[in-house]
C-alpha atoms as a PDB file:
ATOM      1  CA  MET A   1      18.026  -3.580  21.562  1.00  0.00           C
ATOM      2  CA  SER A   2      19.384  -3.167  17.823  1.00  0.00           C
ATOM      3  CA  HIS A   3      18.682  -7.036  17.632  1.00  0.00           C
ATOM      4  CA  THR A   4      14.865  -6.243  18.332  1.00  0.00           C
ATOM      5  CA  ILE A   5      15.120  -2.867  15.792  1.00  0.00           C
ATOM      6  CA  ALA A   6      16.637  -5.346  13.109  1.00  0.00           C
ATOM      7  CA  LEU A   7      13.652  -7.763  13.410  1.00  0.00           C
ATOM      8  CA  ARG A   8      10.871  -5.137  13.183  1.00  0.00           C
ATOM      9  CA  ILE A   9      12.466  -4.014   9.881  1.00  0.00           C
ATOM     10  CA  LEU A  10      13.009  -7.247   8.252  1.00  0.00           C
ATOM     11  CA  ALA A  11       9.156  -7.483   9.528  1.00  0.00           C
ATOM     12  CA  LEU A  12       8.357  -4.749   7.648  1.00  0.00           C
ATOM     13  CA  ILE A  13      10.724  -5.174   4.161  1.00  0.00           C
ATOM     14  CA  LEU A  14       8.804  -8.784   4.155  1.00  0.00           C
ATOM     15  CA  ILE A  15       4.950  -6.523   4.434  1.00  0.00           C
ATOM     16  CA  LEU A  16       5.706  -3.711   2.457  1.00  0.00           C
ATOM     17  CA  GLY A  17       8.479  -4.917   0.051  1.00  0.00           C
ATOM     18  CA  ASP A  18       6.904  -5.098  -2.851  1.00  0.00           C
ATOM     19  CA  LEU A  19       3.086  -4.867  -2.953  1.00  0.00           C
ATOM     20  CA  GLU A  20       2.764  -5.723  -6.474  1.00  0.00           C
ATOM     21  CA  SER A  21      -0.594  -5.708  -7.721  1.00  0.00           C
ATOM     22  CA  VAL A  22      -1.530  -7.686 -11.017  1.00  0.00           C
ATOM     23  CA  THR A  23      -5.614  -7.106 -11.351  1.00  0.00           C
ATOM     24  CA  VAL A  24      -6.056 -10.297 -12.994  1.00  0.00           C
ATOM     25  CA  VAL A  25      -5.545 -13.462 -11.632  1.00  0.00           C
ATOM     26  CA  ASN A  26      -6.180 -15.898 -14.043  1.00  0.00           C
ATOM     27  CA  HIS A  27      -2.656 -16.753 -16.316  1.00  0.00           C
ATOM     28  CA  HIS A  28      -2.524 -15.456 -19.612  1.00  0.00           C
ATOM     29  CA  PRO A  29       0.718 -14.689 -21.824  1.00  0.00           C
ATOM     30  CA  ASP A  30       2.531 -11.495 -19.992  1.00  0.00           C
ATOM     31  CA  GLU A  31       1.668  -9.456 -23.761  1.00  0.00           C
ATOM     32  CA  GLU A  32      -1.921  -9.297 -22.645  1.00  0.00           C
ATOM     33  CA  TYR A  33      -1.053  -7.285 -18.873  1.00  0.00           C
ATOM     34  CA  PHE A  34       0.114  -3.704 -19.522  1.00  0.00           C
ATOM     35  CA  LEU A  35       1.823  -1.438 -16.462  1.00  0.00           C
ATOM     36  CA  GLU A  36      -1.320   1.032 -15.776  1.00  0.00           C
ATOM     37  CA  HIS A  37       1.509   2.483 -13.289  1.00  0.00           C
ATOM     38  CA  GLU A  38       3.952   2.290 -11.116  1.00  0.00           C
ATOM     39  CA  VAL A  39       5.581   3.535  -8.487  1.00  0.00           C
ATOM     40  CA  LEU A  40       9.196   2.850  -7.811  1.00  0.00           C
ATOM     41  CA  TYR A  41      11.448   2.433  -4.606  1.00  0.00           C
ATOM     42  CA  GLU A  42      13.174   5.798  -4.712  1.00  0.00           C
ATOM     43  CA  GLU A  43       9.578   7.714  -5.329  1.00  0.00           C
ATOM     44  CA  ALA A  44       8.069   5.952  -2.349  1.00  0.00           C
ATOM     45  CA  ILE A  45      10.997   6.644  -0.406  1.00  0.00           C
ATOM     46  CA  MET A  46      10.537  10.536  -1.640  1.00  0.00           C
ATOM     47  CA  GLU A  47       6.853  10.846  -1.039  1.00  0.00           C
ATOM     48  CA  ALA A  48       7.362   9.000   2.654  1.00  0.00           C
ATOM     49  CA  LYS A  49       9.476  12.249   3.897  1.00  0.00           C
ATOM     50  CA  LYS A  50       6.602  14.920   2.801  1.00  0.00           C
ATOM     51  CA  LEU A  51       4.196  12.871   4.595  1.00  0.00           C
ATOM     52  CA  GLN A  52       2.493  14.814   7.307  1.00  0.00           C
ATOM     53  CA  LEU A  53       0.867  12.330   9.705  1.00  0.00           C
ATOM     54  CA  TYR A  54      -2.005  13.743  12.246  1.00  0.00           C
ATOM     55  CA  PRO A  55      -2.769  11.358  15.504  1.00  0.00           C
ATOM     56  CA  GLY A  56      -6.467  10.283  16.115  1.00  0.00           C
ATOM     57  CA  PRO A  57      -9.402   9.431  14.542  1.00  0.00           C
ATOM     58  CA  ILE A  58     -10.562  10.220  11.051  1.00  0.00           C
ATOM     59  CA  PRO A  59     -13.769  12.478  11.180  1.00  0.00           C
ATOM     60  CA  GLY A  60     -16.339  10.739   9.969  1.00  0.00           C
ATOM     61  CA  CYS A  61     -15.236   6.985  10.732  1.00  0.00           C
ATOM     62  CA  LYS A  62     -15.516   3.876  13.213  1.00  0.00           C
ATOM     63  CA  ILE A  63     -12.692   2.494  14.681  1.00  0.00           C
ATOM     64  CA  CYS A  64     -11.390  -0.089  12.173  1.00  0.00           C
ATOM     65  CA  THR A  65     -11.848  -4.119  13.390  1.00  0.00           C
ATOM     66  CA  ASN A  66      -8.648  -6.515  13.049  1.00  0.00           C
ATOM     67  CA  THR A  67     -10.241  -7.755   9.689  1.00  0.00           C
ATOM     68  CA  GLU A  68     -10.417  -4.446   7.974  1.00  0.00           C
ATOM     69  CA  MET A  69      -6.714  -4.090   9.101  1.00  0.00           C
ATOM     70  CA  SER A  70      -5.615  -6.989   7.825  1.00  0.00           C
ATOM     71  CA  TYR A  71      -6.820  -5.731   5.097  1.00  0.00           C
ATOM     72  CA  CYS A  72      -4.434  -3.282   4.710  1.00  0.00           C
ATOM     73  CA  LYS A  73      -1.973  -4.907   6.153  1.00  0.00           C
ATOM     74  CA  ASP A  74      -1.960  -7.824   3.458  1.00  0.00           C
ATOM     75  CA  GLY A  75      -1.857  -5.884   0.011  1.00  0.00           C
ATOM     76  CA  SER A  76      -5.645  -6.574  -0.536  1.00  0.00           C
ATOM     77  CA  VAL A  77      -5.715  -2.255  -0.220  1.00  0.00           C
ATOM     78  CA  ILE A  78      -3.125  -1.999  -3.107  1.00  0.00           C
ATOM     79  CA  ASN A  79      -4.874  -4.735  -5.091  1.00  0.00           C
ATOM     80  CA  ASP A  80      -7.673  -2.620  -5.139  1.00  0.00           C
ATOM     81  CA  HIS A  81      -6.495   0.601  -5.571  1.00  0.00           C
ATOM     82  CA  CYS A  82      -5.195  -1.050  -8.930  1.00  0.00           C
ATOM     83  CA  CYS A  83      -8.853  -2.176  -9.826  1.00  0.00           C
ATOM     84  CA  CYS A  84     -10.693   0.729  -8.185  1.00  0.00           C
ATOM     85  CA  ASP A  85      -8.311   4.104  -8.410  1.00  0.00           C
ATOM     86  CA  GLY A  86      -6.609   3.564 -11.997  1.00  0.00           C
ATOM     87  CA  SER A  87      -3.056   5.648 -12.399  1.00  0.00           C
ATOM     88  CA  SER A  88      -5.146   9.105 -12.877  1.00  0.00           C
ATOM     89  CA  ASN A  89      -5.828   8.961  -8.931  1.00  0.00           C
ATOM     90  CA  GLU A  90      -1.908   7.865  -6.905  1.00  0.00           C
ATOM     91  CA  VAL A  91      -3.666   7.954  -3.795  1.00  0.00           C
ATOM     92  CA  PHE A  92       0.016   5.378  -2.253  1.00  0.00           C
ATOM     93  CA  PRO A  93       2.530   7.512  -3.526  1.00  0.00           C
ATOM     94  CA  PHE A  94       4.507   6.102  -0.289  1.00  0.00           C
ATOM     95  CA  VAL A  95       3.768   2.522  -1.085  1.00  0.00           C
ATOM     96  CA  LYS A  96       6.239   0.871  -3.866  1.00  0.00           C
ATOM     97  CA  HIS A  97       3.671  -1.195  -6.103  1.00  0.00           C
ATOM     98  CA  THR A  98       3.107  -1.996  -9.345  1.00  0.00           C
ATOM     99  CA  CYS A  99      -0.758  -1.927 -11.125  1.00  0.00           C
ATOM    100  CA  ARG A 100      -1.111  -4.133 -14.347  1.00  0.00           C
ATOM    101  CA  VAL A 101      -4.354  -4.623 -16.113  1.00  0.00           C
ATOM    102  CA  GLY A 102      -5.188  -7.199 -18.729  1.00  0.00           C
ATOM    103  CA  PRO A 103      -7.863  -9.145 -20.120  1.00  0.00           C
ATOM    104  CA  GLU A 104      -9.797  -9.804 -17.355  1.00  0.00           C
ATOM    105  CA  GLU A 105     -12.091  -7.932 -14.812  1.00  0.00           C
ATOM    106  CA  CYS A 106     -10.754  -6.995 -11.857  1.00  0.00           C
ATOM    107  CA  LYS A 107     -11.378  -9.012  -8.699  1.00  0.00           C
ATOM    108  CA  VAL A 108     -11.661  -6.189  -5.938  1.00  0.00           C
ATOM    109  CA  GLN A 109     -10.865  -7.953  -2.695  1.00  0.00           C
ATOM    110  CA  ALA A 110     -13.001  -5.543  -0.508  1.00  0.00           C
ATOM    111  CA  GLY A 111     -16.614  -6.695  -2.580  1.00  0.00           C
ATOM    112  CA  ASP A 112     -16.666  -3.128  -4.197  1.00  0.00           C
ATOM    113  CA  CYS A 113     -15.082  -0.026  -4.786  1.00  0.00           C
ATOM    114  CA  ALA A 114     -16.832   1.794  -2.573  1.00  0.00           C
ATOM    115  CA  GLU A 115     -16.165  -0.196   0.193  1.00  0.00           C
ATOM    116  CA  TYR A 116     -12.648  -0.201  -1.197  1.00  0.00           C
ATOM    117  CA  ALA A 117     -12.388   3.991  -0.660  1.00  0.00           C
ATOM    118  CA  ARG A 118     -14.615   3.847   2.406  1.00  0.00           C
ATOM    119  CA  LEU A 119     -11.529   1.113   3.897  1.00  0.00           C
ATOM    120  CA  ARG A 120      -8.705   3.026   2.266  1.00  0.00           C
ATOM    121  CA  GLU A 121      -9.892   6.723   4.007  1.00  0.00           C
ATOM    122  CA  CYS A 122     -10.643   4.831   7.023  1.00  0.00           C
ATOM    123  CA  CYS A 123      -8.253   2.320   7.576  1.00  0.00           C
ATOM    124  CA  CYS A 124      -5.621   1.776   5.686  1.00  0.00           C
ATOM    125  CA  HIS A 125      -4.011   5.178   4.433  1.00  0.00           C
ATOM    126  CA  SER A 126      -3.371   6.161   8.105  1.00  0.00           C
ATOM    127  CA  TYR A 127      -1.626   2.842   8.134  1.00  0.00           C
ATOM    128  CA  LEU A 128       0.218   2.582   5.222  1.00  0.00           C
ATOM    129  CA  ALA A 129       1.184   6.184   5.732  1.00  0.00           C
ATOM    130  CA  SER A 130       2.889   5.215   8.715  1.00  0.00           C
ATOM    131  CA  VAL A 131       4.147   2.587   8.792  1.00  0.00           C
ATOM    132  CA  CYS A 132       6.350   3.224   5.595  1.00  0.00           C
ATOM    133  CA  LYS A 133       7.402   6.801   7.479  1.00  0.00           C
ATOM    134  CA  TYR A 134       8.337   5.163  10.260  1.00  0.00           C
ATOM    135  CA  TYR A 135      10.224   2.174   8.311  1.00  0.00           C
ATOM    136  CA  PHE A 136      12.101   5.019   5.975  1.00  0.00           C
ATOM    137  CA  SER A 137      12.770   7.531   8.336  1.00  0.00           C
ATOM    138  CA  ARG A 138      14.444   4.611  10.348  1.00  0.00           C
ATOM    139  CA  LEU A 139      16.397   3.302   7.092  1.00  0.00           C
ATOM    140  CA  TRP A 140      17.269   7.014   6.490  1.00  0.00           C
ATOM    141  CA  GLN A 141      19.044   7.312  10.242  1.00  0.00           C
ATOM    142  CA  ASN A 142      20.538   4.380   9.983  1.00  0.00           C
ATOM    143  CA  ALA A 143      21.920   4.568   6.689  1.00  0.00           C
ATOM    144  CA  PHE A 144      23.871   7.882   8.133  1.00  0.00           C
ATOM    145  CA  SER A 145      24.609   6.122  11.929  1.00  0.00           C
END
């Protein structure tokens, strides 16, 4: 049983361990990039503890497809968050990530920022919130047991 839990935690660490989005993919000197915003590990833990999860479908949203959920799981949603939201709209304060900007136009994985916003609200936010809440609560429990 504990072996299975350890494997699940390891998988979550690999998935959520360091979702760093660089909004520019071309290779330029580092001095051309600047930190747009960042959520540190400790901040993510504190925000995850505060999360209130609400089960059930999200009003106005259809069931998310496997492809849409893959977008949530592989870090693409965080990349698009960096492209579309900016530092004034931190919608993933419970996910450790770093957003940097540079000289090239940001490439939105979802196609455009409107589609990103739909996927963020209908699929990714609740999924990542539940994964982070579970992950951080398990770490907290294991630290004191």
